[in-house]
C-alpha atoms as a PDB file:
ATOM      1  CA  MET A   1       2.599   6.745  16.477  1.00  0.00           C
ATOM      2  CA  THR A   2       0.811   6.733  19.820  1.00  0.00           C
ATOM      3  CA  LYS A   3       2.245   8.975  22.561  1.00  0.00           C
ATOM      4  CA  TYR A   4       1.995   7.827  26.162  1.00  0.00           C
ATOM      5  CA  GLU A   5       2.881  10.533  28.651  1.00  0.00           C
ATOM      6  CA  ASN A   6       3.051  10.348  32.463  1.00  0.00           C
ATOM      7  CA  LYS A   7       1.386   6.932  32.475  1.00  0.00           C
ATOM      8  CA  GLN A   8       1.690   3.830  34.652  1.00  0.00           C
ATOM      9  CA  LEU A   9       1.060   1.019  32.193  1.00  0.00           C
ATOM     10  CA  SER A  10       0.522  -2.554  33.402  1.00  0.00           C
ATOM     11  CA  LYS A  11      -0.167  -5.911  31.763  1.00  0.00           C
ATOM     12  CA  ALA A  12      -0.382  -4.388  28.278  1.00  0.00           C
ATOM     13  CA  VAL A  13       0.983  -5.296  24.876  1.00  0.00           C
ATOM     14  CA  PHE A  14       2.914  -2.822  22.726  1.00  0.00           C
ATOM     15  CA  VAL A  15       4.535  -2.807  19.325  1.00  0.00           C
ATOM     16  CA  MET A  16       7.487  -0.630  20.123  1.00  0.00           C
ATOM     17  CA  GLU A  17       7.782   1.036  16.699  1.00  0.00           C
ATOM     18  CA  ASP A  18       4.214   2.338  17.125  1.00  0.00           C
ATOM     19  CA  CYS A  19       4.776   3.985  20.530  1.00  0.00           C
ATOM     20  CA  PHE A  20       6.505   6.955  22.121  1.00  0.00           C
ATOM     21  CA  PHE A  21       6.819   6.737  25.931  1.00  0.00           C
ATOM     22  CA  LEU A  22       7.476   9.959  27.854  1.00  0.00           C
ATOM     23  CA  ASN A  23       7.804   9.780  31.651  1.00  0.00           C
ATOM     24  CA  CYS A  24       6.165   6.375  31.809  1.00  0.00           C
ATOM     25  CA  ALA A  25       6.524   3.193  33.826  1.00  0.00           C
ATOM     26  CA  LEU A  26       5.683  -0.101  32.177  1.00  0.00           C
ATOM     27  CA  ASN A  27       5.143  -3.105  34.394  1.00  0.00           C
ATOM     28  CA  ASP A  28       4.529  -6.736  33.352  1.00  0.00           C
ATOM     29  CA  CYS A  29       4.039  -5.824  29.701  1.00  0.00           C
ATOM     30  CA  ASP A  30       4.822  -7.645  26.465  1.00  0.00           C
ATOM     31  CA  LEU A  31       6.994  -5.502  24.170  1.00  0.00           C
ATOM     32  CA  PHE A  32       7.321  -6.488  20.510  1.00  0.00           C
ATOM     33  CA  TYR A  33      10.256  -5.059  18.555  1.00  0.00           C
ATOM     34  CA  SER A  34      11.024  -5.668  14.879  1.00  0.00           C
ATOM     35  CA  GLY A  35      14.085  -3.464  14.388  1.00  0.00           C
ATOM     36  CA  GLY A  36      12.538  -0.101  13.455  1.00  0.00           C
ATOM     37  CA  ASP A  37      12.822   3.304  15.113  1.00  0.00           C
ATOM     38  CA  VAL A  38      11.820   3.395  18.794  1.00  0.00           C
ATOM     39  CA  GLU A  39      11.494   6.389  21.085  1.00  0.00           C
ATOM     40  CA  TRP A  40      11.247   6.753  24.813  1.00  0.00           C
ATOM     41  CA  VAL A  41      12.352   9.391  27.304  1.00  0.00           C
ATOM     42  CA  ASN A  42      12.517   8.791  31.079  1.00  0.00           C
ATOM     43  CA  ALA A  43      10.745   5.422  30.824  1.00  0.00           C
ATOM     44  CA  ARG A  44      11.080   2.437  33.142  1.00  0.00           C
ATOM     45  CA  PHE A  45      10.503  -1.183  32.051  1.00  0.00           C
ATOM     46  CA  GLU A  46       9.910  -3.549  34.961  1.00  0.00           C
ATOM     47  CA  ASN A  47       9.234  -7.275  34.580  1.00  0.00           C
ATOM     48  CA  CYS A  48       8.501  -6.753  30.887  1.00  0.00           C
ATOM     49  CA  ARG A  49       8.960  -9.459  28.269  1.00  0.00           C
ATOM     50  CA  TRP A  50      10.739  -8.435  25.092  1.00  0.00           C
ATOM     51  CA  HIS A  51       9.721 -10.285  21.900  1.00  0.00           C
ATOM     52  CA  PHE A  52      12.099  -9.773  18.957  1.00  0.00           C
ATOM     53  CA  ARG A  53      10.767 -10.196  15.459  1.00  0.00           C
ATOM     54  CA  GLY A  54      12.087  -9.794  11.886  1.00  0.00           C
ATOM     55  CA  GLN A  55      15.341  -7.827  11.678  1.00  0.00           C
ATOM     56  CA  ALA A  56      15.650  -7.503  15.439  1.00  0.00           C
ATOM     57  CA  LEU A  57      15.277 -11.279  15.914  1.00  0.00           C
ATOM     58  CA  ARG A  58      17.903 -11.972  13.265  1.00  0.00           C
ATOM     59  CA  THR A  59      20.287  -9.514  14.961  1.00  0.00           C
ATOM     60  CA  VAL A  60      19.777 -11.249  18.333  1.00  0.00           C
ATOM     61  CA  GLN A  61      20.353 -14.631  16.669  1.00  0.00           C
ATOM     62  CA  VAL A  62      23.647 -13.462  15.109  1.00  0.00           C
ATOM     63  CA  MET A  63      24.763 -11.984  18.437  1.00  0.00           C
ATOM     64  CA  MET A  64      24.130 -15.397  20.061  1.00  0.00           C
ATOM     65  CA  GLN A  65      26.020 -17.223  17.297  1.00  0.00           C
ATOM     66  CA  ILE A  66      29.106 -15.094  17.737  1.00  0.00           C
ATOM     67  CA  GLY A  67      28.960 -15.230  21.545  1.00  0.00           C
ATOM     68  CA  MET A  68      27.892 -11.659  22.279  1.00  0.00           C
ATOM     69  CA  LEU A  69      24.676 -12.980  23.926  1.00  0.00           C
ATOM     70  CA  LYS A  70      24.065 -16.256  25.693  1.00  0.00           C
ATOM     71  CA  PRO A  71      20.879 -18.272  25.015  1.00  0.00           C
ATOM     72  CA  GLY A  72      18.083 -16.850  27.149  1.00  0.00           C
ATOM     73  CA  GLN A  73      19.908 -13.545  27.663  1.00  0.00           C
ATOM     74  CA  ILE A  74      18.276 -10.420  26.270  1.00  0.00           C
ATOM     75  CA  PRO A  75      19.937  -7.091  25.593  1.00  0.00           C
ATOM     76  CA  LEU A  76      19.850  -4.648  28.479  1.00  0.00           C
ATOM     77  CA  THR A  77      17.336  -1.830  28.428  1.00  0.00           C
ATOM     78  CA  PRO A  78      18.999   1.561  28.518  1.00  0.00           C
ATOM     79  CA  PRO A  79      18.894   3.261  31.890  1.00  0.00           C
ATOM     80  CA  ALA A  80      15.810   5.220  32.908  1.00  0.00           C
ATOM     81  CA  GLY A  81      15.950   8.769  31.606  1.00  0.00           C
ATOM     82  CA  SER A  82      17.849   7.855  28.447  1.00  0.00           C
ATOM     83  CA  SER A  83      16.330   8.289  25.021  1.00  0.00           C
ATOM     84  CA  VAL A  84      16.450   5.976  22.037  1.00  0.00           C
ATOM     85  CA  ASN A  85      15.956   7.182  18.475  1.00  0.00           C
END
């Protein structure tokens, strides 16, 4: 796992399961998530594009089918300062 600490990251591509973000700001990035463990603490995601694959994609598809998400809507990113494990 790659640790990014106190970084301003722009126009980059990340596989979320391979990264740990600590006190970082990501801007205009492509974020790929497959449903595995993800960690970030005090991270901001601005104008980033989330790409769901595998288990995560199937979960989003089920949520759309049962009306929890609307087509084109993506799940909200937790507030800055929160951590996800």
